[in-house]
Amino acid sequence: MELIVTVKKLNRRNRVPVKLSDRDSIVGTVLQGFKFEGTEVPNITDPALGHWYESTDGYFYWGGGLMPLPAPPTVHIANLPINLPDHYLLGTDLSHYNSQPDWNAITQAGISFAYIKIGEGVGSPDRKAAIHAANAANAGLKVGYYHFCRPDTRNGGTVHSDATAEANEAIGLMQHLPPTVLPLVLDLEDEVSWDTPLRPRDYETWITTFIHLVTQSTGIIPMIYSRKEYLDRKLPGDHALGQYRLWLAAYSVRDTNNLICPAGWQDWNMWQFTGTAHVGGNRTLDVNILKDLTLLTP
């Protein structure tokens, strides 16, 4: 089977150790996202050792830091981009605008996860969040949540107080929804009637404050959703947000190899390639390509 490393760093060993603390079997390390072919090592009698896998080139890896890669999905969605990753999953995202999703059609199309909008700014929870999350889970989908951010200074008068208020809002809303291992997503974009008034450095500070507070509360680092043009225009050129995972919206790109990240990011983790997929009774469904399968683990 093919496996992927889900922890930040995993020891490469020349044998299964007698105990996990043994160092003499370590011959190197591999980083999160490393993929290899391997088979599970049989007849490990000590439960404390957990599961182990031997790669085809003769190295051994602790199974607690690994995830088997899924088989290619059976997809029934028209006009998928070309040159997709060898291993990927399809997902969707929904809000109250999706009043009655056709969940059976969503699962039959090969979609395996759903991101649900939980709120917008402070004091505007999405009225469909709970029912969407429950129905998605009942349909067998993995569920995650996103929050439409309104970075300004309306809550408390400062960038820090406003970001803190919105982070606490998102944390509170998630506490009333089914738990998830998928990271909370900051939806960073403008609307016809609203755009952030913050200057680039303040905008970065707002985002960083929000992320730090959610991470401290949930133990899972959030992910950023936006489009390249918007982030390039709103953030300072030397921002430090490229360390965070990116969910990129780009509808005009049809070839995965032509997808360009915003300044500061070297790669994308998830790609929203359409907002108008026709899937069963869902006439305008957002569909996403998940490349970073480590998002599915805590």
C-alpha atoms as a PDB file:
ATOM      1  CA  MET A   1       0.000   0.000   0.000  1.00  0.00           C
ATOM      2  CA  GLU A   2       0.999   3.634  -0.379  1.00  0.00           C
ATOM      3  CA  LEU A   3       1.397   5.673   2.826  1.00  0.00           C
ATOM      4  CA  ILE A   4       1.954   9.327   3.718  1.00  0.00           C
ATOM      5  CA  VAL A   5       3.651  10.815   6.778  1.00  0.00           C
ATOM      6  CA  THR A   6       1.152  12.883   8.783  1.00  0.00           C
ATOM      7  CA  VAL A   7       3.390  14.107  11.628  1.00  0.00           C
ATOM      8  CA  LYS A   8       5.927  16.928  11.225  1.00  0.00           C
ATOM      9  CA  LYS A   9       8.898  14.548  11.324  1.00  0.00           C
ATOM     10  CA  LEU A  10       9.183  10.765  11.512  1.00  0.00           C
ATOM     11  CA  ASN A  11      12.216   8.625  12.239  1.00  0.00           C
ATOM     12  CA  ARG A  12      13.497   6.304   9.533  1.00  0.00           C
ATOM     13  CA  ARG A  13      14.874   3.089  11.058  1.00  0.00           C
ATOM     14  CA  ASN A  14      16.770   0.047   9.855  1.00  0.00           C
ATOM     15  CA  ARG A  15      14.621  -2.274  12.012  1.00  0.00           C
ATOM     16  CA  VAL A  16      11.663  -2.253  14.357  1.00  0.00           C
ATOM     17  CA  PRO A  17      13.092  -1.099  17.715  1.00  0.00           C
ATOM     18  CA  VAL A  18      12.786  -3.020  20.950  1.00  0.00           C
ATOM     19  CA  LYS A  19      11.175   0.102  22.442  1.00  0.00           C
ATOM     20  CA  LEU A  20      10.259   3.484  20.958  1.00  0.00           C
ATOM     21  CA  SER A  21      12.988   5.297  22.899  1.00  0.00           C
ATOM     22  CA  ASP A  22      15.759   3.224  21.284  1.00  0.00           C
ATOM     23  CA  ARG A  23      17.990   5.440  19.133  1.00  0.00           C
ATOM     24  CA  ASP A  24      20.440   2.964  17.662  1.00  0.00           C
ATOM     25  CA  SER A  25      17.999   1.855  14.943  1.00  0.00           C
ATOM     26  CA  ILE A  26      17.451   5.413  13.636  1.00  0.00           C
ATOM     27  CA  VAL A  27      19.182   6.097  10.311  1.00  0.00           C
ATOM     28  CA  GLY A  28      17.475   9.377   9.378  1.00  0.00           C
ATOM     29  CA  THR A  29      14.173  11.228   9.315  1.00  0.00           C
ATOM     30  CA  VAL A  30      11.432  12.059   6.823  1.00  0.00           C
ATOM     31  CA  LEU A  31       9.120  15.092   6.873  1.00  0.00           C
ATOM     32  CA  GLN A  32       5.347  15.484   6.799  1.00  0.00           C
ATOM     33  CA  GLY A  33       3.977  14.682   3.367  1.00  0.00           C
ATOM     34  CA  PHE A  34       6.635  12.075   2.530  1.00  0.00           C
ATOM     35  CA  LYS A  35       5.054   9.221   0.572  1.00  0.00           C
ATOM     36  CA  PHE A  36       6.244   5.648   0.134  1.00  0.00           C
ATOM     37  CA  GLU A  37       5.067   2.125  -0.634  1.00  0.00           C
ATOM     38  CA  GLY A  38       5.147  -0.348   2.206  1.00  0.00           C
ATOM     39  CA  THR A  39       3.578  -3.260   4.037  1.00  0.00           C
ATOM     40  CA  GLU A  40       2.622  -3.626   7.678  1.00  0.00           C
ATOM     41  CA  VAL A  41       5.115  -5.562   9.786  1.00  0.00           C
ATOM     42  CA  PRO A  42       3.373  -8.668  11.212  1.00  0.00           C
ATOM     43  CA  ASN A  43       3.683 -10.337  14.601  1.00  0.00           C
ATOM     44  CA  ILE A  44       4.622  -7.335  16.753  1.00  0.00           C
ATOM     45  CA  THR A  45       3.721  -8.689  20.193  1.00  0.00           C
ATOM     46  CA  ASP A  46       4.388  -5.592  22.324  1.00  0.00           C
ATOM     47  CA  PRO A  47       1.316  -3.313  22.142  1.00  0.00           C
ATOM     48  CA  ALA A  48       3.433  -0.357  23.302  1.00  0.00           C
ATOM     49  CA  LEU A  49       5.288  -0.413  19.961  1.00  0.00           C
ATOM     50  CA  GLY A  50       2.128   0.165  17.949  1.00  0.00           C
ATOM     51  CA  HIS A  51       1.994  -0.603  14.223  1.00  0.00           C
ATOM     52  CA  TRP A  52       5.043  -0.524  11.951  1.00  0.00           C
ATOM     53  CA  TYR A  53       5.484  -0.474   8.195  1.00  0.00           C
ATOM     54  CA  GLU A  54       8.422  -1.593   6.084  1.00  0.00           C
ATOM     55  CA  SER A  55       9.041   0.356   2.888  1.00  0.00           C
ATOM     56  CA  THR A  56       9.969  -1.314  -0.364  1.00  0.00           C
ATOM     57  CA  ASP A  57      13.550  -0.058   0.073  1.00  0.00           C
ATOM     58  CA  GLY A  58      13.923  -1.779   3.449  1.00  0.00           C
ATOM     59  CA  TYR A  59      13.338   0.995   5.992  1.00  0.00           C
ATOM     60  CA  PHE A  60      10.898   0.922   8.898  1.00  0.00           C
ATOM     61  CA  TYR A  61       8.425   3.600  10.038  1.00  0.00           C
ATOM     62  CA  TRP A  62       6.144   3.917  13.055  1.00  0.00           C
ATOM     63  CA  GLY A  63       2.523   3.566  11.952  1.00  0.00           C
ATOM     64  CA  GLY A  64       1.252   6.213  14.367  1.00  0.00           C
ATOM     65  CA  GLY A  65       2.719   8.874  12.112  1.00  0.00           C
ATOM     66  CA  LEU A  66       1.339   7.426   8.893  1.00  0.00           C
ATOM     67  CA  MET A  67      -1.892   7.326   6.938  1.00  0.00           C
ATOM     68  CA  PRO A  68      -2.676   4.959   4.051  1.00  0.00           C
ATOM     69  CA  LEU A  69      -3.289   6.939   0.903  1.00  0.00           C
ATOM     70  CA  PRO A  70      -6.780   6.497  -0.498  1.00  0.00           C
ATOM     71  CA  ALA A  71      -7.444   4.814  -3.782  1.00  0.00           C
ATOM     72  CA  PRO A  72      -8.258   7.253  -6.577  1.00  0.00           C
ATOM     73  CA  PRO A  73     -11.854   8.416  -6.072  1.00  0.00           C
ATOM     74  CA  THR A  74     -14.613   7.396  -8.425  1.00  0.00           C
ATOM     75  CA  VAL A  75     -15.581  10.854  -9.607  1.00  0.00           C
ATOM     76  CA  HIS A  76     -18.772  11.892 -11.348  1.00  0.00           C
ATOM     77  CA  ILE A  77     -18.173  15.622 -11.728  1.00  0.00           C
ATOM     78  CA  ALA A  78     -17.791  17.217 -15.139  1.00  0.00           C
ATOM     79  CA  ASN A  79     -14.889  19.413 -16.182  1.00  0.00           C
ATOM     80  CA  LEU A  80     -12.363  18.509 -13.514  1.00  0.00           C
ATOM     81  CA  PRO A  81      -9.015  20.283 -13.967  1.00  0.00           C
ATOM     82  CA  ILE A  82      -6.273  18.333 -15.701  1.00  0.00           C
ATOM     83  CA  ASN A  83      -2.951  17.211 -14.174  1.00  0.00           C
ATOM     84  CA  LEU A  84      -4.455  16.614 -10.746  1.00  0.00           C
ATOM     85  CA  PRO A  85      -2.213  15.159  -8.012  1.00  0.00           C
ATOM     86  CA  ASP A  86      -1.779  11.382  -7.955  1.00  0.00           C
ATOM     87  CA  HIS A  87      -3.646  11.316  -4.653  1.00  0.00           C
ATOM     88  CA  TYR A  88      -6.404  13.798  -3.967  1.00  0.00           C
ATOM     89  CA  LEU A  89      -9.871  14.019  -2.481  1.00  0.00           C
ATOM     90  CA  LEU A  90     -12.886  16.040  -3.552  1.00  0.00           C
ATOM     91  CA  GLY A  91     -14.774  18.258  -1.134  1.00  0.00           C
ATOM     92  CA  THR A  92     -17.491  20.864  -1.109  1.00  0.00           C
ATOM     93  CA  ASP A  93     -18.327  23.876   1.062  1.00  0.00           C
ATOM     94  CA  LEU A  94     -21.790  25.086   2.006  1.00  0.00           C
ATOM     95  CA  SER A  95     -23.580  27.887   3.822  1.00  0.00           C
ATOM     96  CA  HIS A  96     -27.177  29.023   4.336  1.00  0.00           C
ATOM     97  CA  TYR A  97     -27.227  29.883   0.624  1.00  0.00           C
ATOM     98  CA  ASN A  98     -27.321  26.113   0.011  1.00  0.00           C
ATOM     99  CA  SER A  99     -30.772  25.751   1.492  1.00  0.00           C
ATOM    100  CA  GLN A 100     -31.478  22.103   0.641  1.00  0.00           C
ATOM    101  CA  PRO A 101     -28.339  20.245  -0.464  1.00  0.00           C
ATOM    102  CA  ASP A 102     -28.771  16.999  -2.369  1.00  0.00           C
ATOM    103  CA  TRP A 103     -26.522  14.975  -0.067  1.00  0.00           C
ATOM    104  CA  ASN A 104     -27.022  11.697  -1.896  1.00  0.00           C
ATOM    105  CA  ALA A 105     -25.847  13.269  -5.157  1.00  0.00           C
ATOM    106  CA  ILE A 106     -22.883  14.854  -3.360  1.00  0.00           C
ATOM    107  CA  THR A 107     -21.621  11.517  -2.053  1.00  0.00           C
ATOM    108  CA  GLN A 108     -22.386   9.711  -5.315  1.00  0.00           C
ATOM    109  CA  ALA A 109     -20.278  12.285  -7.171  1.00  0.00           C
ATOM    110  CA  GLY A 110     -17.181  11.192  -5.244  1.00  0.00           C
ATOM    111  CA  ILE A 111     -17.081  14.040  -2.721  1.00  0.00           C
ATOM    112  CA  SER A 112     -15.717  12.907   0.641  1.00  0.00           C
ATOM    113  CA  PHE A 113     -15.658  16.004   2.861  1.00  0.00           C
ATOM    114  CA  ALA A 114     -17.652  19.194   3.426  1.00  0.00           C
ATOM    115  CA  TYR A 115     -16.676  22.556   4.894  1.00  0.00           C
ATOM    116  CA  ILE A 116     -19.609  24.316   6.577  1.00  0.00           C
ATOM    117  CA  LYS A 117     -19.870  28.053   7.178  1.00  0.00           C
ATOM    118  CA  ILE A 118     -20.413  28.750  10.885  1.00  0.00           C
ATOM    119  CA  GLY A 119     -20.602  32.539  11.003  1.00  0.00           C
ATOM    120  CA  GLU A 120     -19.619  35.956   9.746  1.00  0.00           C
ATOM    121  CA  GLY A 121     -17.940  38.629  11.835  1.00  0.00           C
ATOM    122  CA  VAL A 122     -19.432  38.796  15.334  1.00  0.00           C
ATOM    123  CA  GLY A 123     -23.097  38.149  16.061  1.00  0.00           C
ATOM    124  CA  SER A 124     -24.042  36.590  12.703  1.00  0.00           C
ATOM    125  CA  PRO A 125     -23.984  32.799  13.027  1.00  0.00           C
ATOM    126  CA  ASP A 126     -24.925  30.873   9.925  1.00  0.00           C
ATOM    127  CA  ARG A 127     -28.432  29.585  10.501  1.00  0.00           C
ATOM    128  CA  LYS A 128     -27.804  26.396   8.536  1.00  0.00           C
ATOM    129  CA  ALA A 129     -24.508  25.396  10.197  1.00  0.00           C
ATOM    130  CA  ALA A 130     -25.863  22.812  12.630  1.00  0.00           C
ATOM    131  CA  ILE A 131     -28.187  21.073  10.171  1.00  0.00           C
ATOM    132  CA  HIS A 132     -25.582  21.101   7.381  1.00  0.00           C
ATOM    133  CA  ALA A 133     -22.945  19.627   9.708  1.00  0.00           C
ATOM    134  CA  ALA A 134     -25.291  16.911  10.952  1.00  0.00           C
ATOM    135  CA  ASN A 135     -26.486  15.974   7.465  1.00  0.00           C
ATOM    136  CA  ALA A 136     -22.963  15.939   6.058  1.00  0.00           C
ATOM    137  CA  ALA A 137     -21.789  13.638   8.850  1.00  0.00           C
ATOM    138  CA  ASN A 138     -24.830  11.384   8.373  1.00  0.00           C
ATOM    139  CA  ALA A 139     -23.963  11.156   4.672  1.00  0.00           C
ATOM    140  CA  GLY A 140     -20.533   9.811   5.633  1.00  0.00           C
ATOM    141  CA  LEU A 141     -18.568  12.963   4.856  1.00  0.00           C
ATOM    142  CA  LYS A 142     -15.760  14.372   6.968  1.00  0.00           C
ATOM    143  CA  VAL A 143     -16.851  17.779   8.262  1.00  0.00           C
ATOM    144  CA  GLY A 144     -14.895  20.997   8.734  1.00  0.00           C
ATOM    145  CA  TYR A 145     -15.878  24.606   9.457  1.00  0.00           C
ATOM    146  CA  TYR A 146     -15.104  28.025   8.021  1.00  0.00           C
ATOM    147  CA  HIS A 147     -15.708  31.534   9.344  1.00  0.00           C
ATOM    148  CA  PHE A 148     -16.206  34.559   7.072  1.00  0.00           C
ATOM    149  CA  CYS A 149     -13.884  37.131   8.628  1.00  0.00           C
ATOM    150  CA  ARG A 150     -14.578  40.864   8.764  1.00  0.00           C
ATOM    151  CA  PRO A 151     -11.206  42.303   9.808  1.00  0.00           C
ATOM    152  CA  ASP A 152     -11.666  45.873  11.046  1.00  0.00           C
ATOM    153  CA  THR A 153     -11.788  47.606  14.445  1.00  0.00           C
ATOM    154  CA  ARG A 154     -15.520  47.609  15.165  1.00  0.00           C
ATOM    155  CA  ASN A 155     -15.216  45.229  18.122  1.00  0.00           C
ATOM    156  CA  GLY A 156     -13.308  47.009  20.864  1.00  0.00           C
ATOM    157  CA  GLY A 157     -11.774  49.731  18.734  1.00  0.00           C
ATOM    158  CA  THR A 158      -8.434  48.081  17.941  1.00  0.00           C
ATOM    159  CA  VAL A 159      -7.129  45.488  15.497  1.00  0.00           C
ATOM    160  CA  HIS A 160      -6.253  43.137  18.354  1.00  0.00           C
ATOM    161  CA  SER A 161      -9.596  43.445  20.146  1.00  0.00           C
ATOM    162  CA  ASP A 162     -11.547  42.958  16.938  1.00  0.00           C
ATOM    163  CA  ALA A 163      -9.576  39.845  15.948  1.00  0.00           C
ATOM    164  CA  THR A 164      -9.956  38.495  19.487  1.00  0.00           C
ATOM    165  CA  ALA A 165     -13.720  39.007  19.402  1.00  0.00           C
ATOM    166  CA  GLU A 166     -14.073  37.200  16.081  1.00  0.00           C
ATOM    167  CA  ALA A 167     -11.809  34.343  17.155  1.00  0.00           C
ATOM    168  CA  ASN A 168     -13.838  33.876  20.334  1.00  0.00           C
ATOM    169  CA  GLU A 169     -17.010  33.973  18.254  1.00  0.00           C
ATOM    170  CA  ALA A 170     -15.751  31.176  15.977  1.00  0.00           C
ATOM    171  CA  ILE A 171     -14.504  29.112  18.928  1.00  0.00           C
ATOM    172  CA  GLY A 172     -17.858  29.452  20.671  1.00  0.00           C
ATOM    173  CA  LEU A 173     -19.816  28.460  17.579  1.00  0.00           C
ATOM    174  CA  MET A 174     -17.688  25.335  17.033  1.00  0.00           C
ATOM    175  CA  GLN A 175     -18.344  24.189  20.598  1.00  0.00           C
ATOM    176  CA  HIS A 176     -21.989  23.604  19.653  1.00  0.00           C
ATOM    177  CA  LEU A 177     -21.179  21.614  16.503  1.00  0.00           C
ATOM    178  CA  PRO A 178     -19.850  18.088  15.893  1.00  0.00           C
ATOM    179  CA  PRO A 179     -16.087  17.885  16.607  1.00  0.00           C
ATOM    180  CA  THR A 180     -13.658  17.792  13.687  1.00  0.00           C
ATOM    181  CA  VAL A 181      -9.984  17.155  12.944  1.00  0.00           C
ATOM    182  CA  LEU A 182     -10.105  19.459   9.918  1.00  0.00           C
ATOM    183  CA  PRO A 183      -8.669  22.920  10.654  1.00  0.00           C
ATOM    184  CA  LEU A 184     -10.958  25.920  11.018  1.00  0.00           C
ATOM    185  CA  VAL A 185     -10.714  28.128   7.927  1.00  0.00           C
ATOM    186  CA  LEU A 186     -10.480  31.925   7.841  1.00  0.00           C
ATOM    187  CA  ASP A 187     -12.493  33.029   4.820  1.00  0.00           C
ATOM    188  CA  LEU A 188     -10.681  36.202   3.720  1.00  0.00           C
ATOM    189  CA  GLU A 189     -12.412  38.028   0.874  1.00  0.00           C
ATOM    190  CA  ASP A 190     -14.527  41.040   0.066  1.00  0.00           C
ATOM    191  CA  GLU A 191     -18.221  41.430  -0.706  1.00  0.00           C
ATOM    192  CA  VAL A 192     -20.107  43.870  -2.888  1.00  0.00           C
ATOM    193  CA  SER A 193     -21.040  45.904   0.195  1.00  0.00           C
ATOM    194  CA  TRP A 194     -17.931  45.359   2.349  1.00  0.00           C
ATOM    195  CA  ASP A 195     -14.158  45.111   2.293  1.00  0.00           C
ATOM    196  CA  THR A 196     -11.601  45.304   5.056  1.00  0.00           C
ATOM    197  CA  PRO A 197     -10.559  48.904   5.772  1.00  0.00           C
ATOM    198  CA  LEU A 198      -7.316  47.805   7.427  1.00  0.00           C
ATOM    199  CA  ARG A 199      -3.908  48.745   6.081  1.00  0.00           C
ATOM    200  CA  PRO A 200      -1.736  45.795   4.955  1.00  0.00           C
ATOM    201  CA  ARG A 201       0.334  45.473   8.150  1.00  0.00           C
ATOM    202  CA  ASP A 202      -2.755  45.755  10.362  1.00  0.00           C
ATOM    203  CA  TYR A 203      -4.515  43.207   8.168  1.00  0.00           C
ATOM    204  CA  GLU A 204      -1.658  40.760   8.724  1.00  0.00           C
ATOM    205  CA  THR A 205      -1.732  41.444  12.475  1.00  0.00           C
ATOM    206  CA  TRP A 206      -5.490  40.799  12.598  1.00  0.00           C
ATOM    207  CA  ILE A 207      -5.102  37.446  10.817  1.00  0.00           C
ATOM    208  CA  THR A 208      -2.161  36.373  12.966  1.00  0.00           C
ATOM    209  CA  THR A 209      -4.025  37.266  16.175  1.00  0.00           C
ATOM    210  CA  PHE A 210      -7.077  35.275  15.086  1.00  0.00           C
ATOM    211  CA  ILE A 211      -4.971  32.249  14.150  1.00  0.00           C
ATOM    212  CA  HIS A 212      -2.999  32.237  17.404  1.00  0.00           C
ATOM    213  CA  LEU A 213      -6.140  32.387  19.552  1.00  0.00           C
ATOM    214  CA  VAL A 214      -7.905  29.583  17.678  1.00  0.00           C
ATOM    215  CA  THR A 215      -4.762  27.433  17.787  1.00  0.00           C
ATOM    216  CA  GLN A 216      -4.439  27.920  21.537  1.00  0.00           C
ATOM    217  CA  SER A 217      -8.072  26.959  22.048  1.00  0.00           C
ATOM    218  CA  THR A 218      -8.417  24.015  19.669  1.00  0.00           C
ATOM    219  CA  GLY A 219      -4.866  22.725  19.262  1.00  0.00           C
ATOM    220  CA  ILE A 220      -5.296  22.789  15.466  1.00  0.00           C
ATOM    221  CA  ILE A 221      -3.715  25.538  13.358  1.00  0.00           C
ATOM    222  CA  PRO A 222      -6.316  27.193  11.100  1.00  0.00           C
ATOM    223  CA  MET A 223      -6.094  27.409   7.310  1.00  0.00           C
ATOM    224  CA  ILE A 224      -6.515  30.524   5.144  1.00  0.00           C
ATOM    225  CA  TYR A 225      -9.003  30.703   2.258  1.00  0.00           C
ATOM    226  CA  SER A 226      -8.792  33.437  -0.354  1.00  0.00           C
ATOM    227  CA  ARG A 227      -7.872  34.240  -3.936  1.00  0.00           C
ATOM    228  CA  LYS A 228      -4.424  35.253  -5.156  1.00  0.00           C
ATOM    229  CA  GLU A 229      -5.368  38.712  -6.388  1.00  0.00           C
ATOM    230  CA  TYR A 230      -6.978  39.634  -3.084  1.00  0.00           C
ATOM    231  CA  LEU A 231      -4.150  38.513  -0.796  1.00  0.00           C
ATOM    232  CA  ASP A 232      -1.517  40.088  -3.036  1.00  0.00           C
ATOM    233  CA  ARG A 233      -3.386  43.386  -2.823  1.00  0.00           C
ATOM    234  CA  LYS A 234      -4.267  43.351   0.864  1.00  0.00           C
ATOM    235  CA  LEU A 235      -1.145  41.951   2.543  1.00  0.00           C
ATOM    236  CA  PRO A 236       2.303  43.542   2.886  1.00  0.00           C
ATOM    237  CA  GLY A 237       4.887  42.154   0.512  1.00  0.00           C
ATOM    238  CA  ASP A 238       6.990  40.737   3.337  1.00  0.00           C
ATOM    239  CA  HIS A 239       4.165  39.117   5.318  1.00  0.00           C
ATOM    240  CA  ALA A 240       4.782  35.923   7.286  1.00  0.00           C
ATOM    241  CA  LEU A 241       1.480  34.148   6.611  1.00  0.00           C
ATOM    242  CA  GLY A 242       2.982  31.716   4.105  1.00  0.00           C
ATOM    243  CA  GLN A 243       3.671  29.367   7.016  1.00  0.00           C
ATOM    244  CA  TYR A 244      -0.065  28.611   7.186  1.00  0.00           C
ATOM    245  CA  ARG A 245      -1.971  26.250   4.947  1.00  0.00           C
ATOM    246  CA  LEU A 246      -3.710  27.790   1.963  1.00  0.00           C
ATOM    247  CA  TRP A 247      -7.103  27.058   0.450  1.00  0.00           C
ATOM    248  CA  LEU A 248      -6.943  28.849  -2.870  1.00  0.00           C
ATOM    249  CA  ALA A 249      -9.945  29.981  -4.893  1.00  0.00           C
ATOM    250  CA  ALA A 250      -9.251  30.116  -8.645  1.00  0.00           C
ATOM    251  CA  TYR A 251     -12.099  29.464 -11.087  1.00  0.00           C
ATOM    252  CA  SER A 252     -10.443  30.340 -14.392  1.00  0.00           C
ATOM    253  CA  VAL A 253      -7.557  27.844 -14.131  1.00  0.00           C
ATOM    254  CA  ARG A 254      -8.159  24.508 -15.836  1.00  0.00           C
ATOM    255  CA  ASP A 255      -4.662  23.013 -15.574  1.00  0.00           C
ATOM    256  CA  THR A 256      -3.330  22.262 -12.083  1.00  0.00           C
ATOM    257  CA  ASN A 257       0.186  23.036 -13.280  1.00  0.00           C
ATOM    258  CA  ASN A 258      -0.895  26.627 -14.022  1.00  0.00           C
ATOM    259  CA  LEU A 259      -2.235  27.354 -10.541  1.00  0.00           C
ATOM    260  CA  ILE A 260      -0.182  30.211  -9.045  1.00  0.00           C
ATOM    261  CA  CYS A 261      -0.085  30.927  -5.312  1.00  0.00           C
ATOM    262  CA  PRO A 262      -0.232  34.391  -3.745  1.00  0.00           C
ATOM    263  CA  ALA A 263       3.053  36.059  -2.836  1.00  0.00           C
ATOM    264  CA  GLY A 264       4.471  34.473   0.309  1.00  0.00           C
ATOM    265  CA  TRP A 265       3.163  30.938  -0.324  1.00  0.00           C
ATOM    266  CA  GLN A 266       5.159  28.214  -2.039  1.00  0.00           C
ATOM    267  CA  ASP A 267       2.269  25.779  -2.475  1.00  0.00           C
ATOM    268  CA  TRP A 268      -1.450  25.311  -1.949  1.00  0.00           C
ATOM    269  CA  ASN A 269      -3.197  22.686   0.168  1.00  0.00           C
ATOM    270  CA  MET A 270      -6.719  22.884  -1.203  1.00  0.00           C
ATOM    271  CA  TRP A 271      -8.126  24.428  -4.379  1.00  0.00           C
ATOM    272  CA  GLN A 272     -11.672  25.648  -4.957  1.00  0.00           C
ATOM    273  CA  PHE A 273     -11.806  25.329  -8.721  1.00  0.00           C
ATOM    274  CA  THR A 274     -15.504  25.969  -9.299  1.00  0.00           C
ATOM    275  CA  GLY A 275     -18.527  27.478  -7.626  1.00  0.00           C
ATOM    276  CA  THR A 276     -21.049  26.329 -10.220  1.00  0.00           C
ATOM    277  CA  ALA A 277     -20.791  22.544 -10.379  1.00  0.00           C
ATOM    278  CA  HIS A 278     -24.051  20.815 -11.288  1.00  0.00           C
ATOM    279  CA  VAL A 279     -24.331  17.783  -9.009  1.00  0.00           C
ATOM    280  CA  GLY A 280     -27.790  16.228  -8.819  1.00  0.00           C
ATOM    281  CA  GLY A 281     -30.157  18.784  -7.339  1.00  0.00           C
ATOM    282  CA  ASN A 282     -27.229  21.072  -6.462  1.00  0.00           C
ATOM    283  CA  ARG A 283     -27.135  23.502  -9.366  1.00  0.00           C
ATOM    284  CA  THR A 284     -24.368  25.795  -8.080  1.00  0.00           C
ATOM    285  CA  LEU A 285     -22.097  23.712  -5.865  1.00  0.00           C
ATOM    286  CA  ASP A 286     -18.577  24.679  -4.793  1.00  0.00           C
ATOM    287  CA  VAL A 287     -16.115  21.852  -5.422  1.00  0.00           C
ATOM    288  CA  ASN A 288     -12.579  21.635  -4.068  1.00  0.00           C
ATOM    289  CA  ILE A 289      -9.460  19.570  -4.692  1.00  0.00           C
ATOM    290  CA  LEU A 290      -7.697  18.525  -1.484  1.00  0.00           C
ATOM    291  CA  LYS A 291      -4.028  17.835  -2.170  1.00  0.00           C
ATOM    292  CA  ASP A 292      -2.763  17.902   1.415  1.00  0.00           C
ATOM    293  CA  LEU A 293      -4.240  14.708   2.837  1.00  0.00           C
ATOM    294  CA  THR A 294      -2.552  15.360   6.197  1.00  0.00           C
ATOM    295  CA  LEU A 295      -5.415  17.791   6.887  1.00  0.00           C
ATOM    296  CA  LEU A 296      -7.540  14.747   7.629  1.00  0.00           C
ATOM    297  CA  THR A 297      -5.483  13.835  10.707  1.00  0.00           C
ATOM    298  CA  PRO A 298      -5.224  15.732  14.008  1.00  0.00           C
END
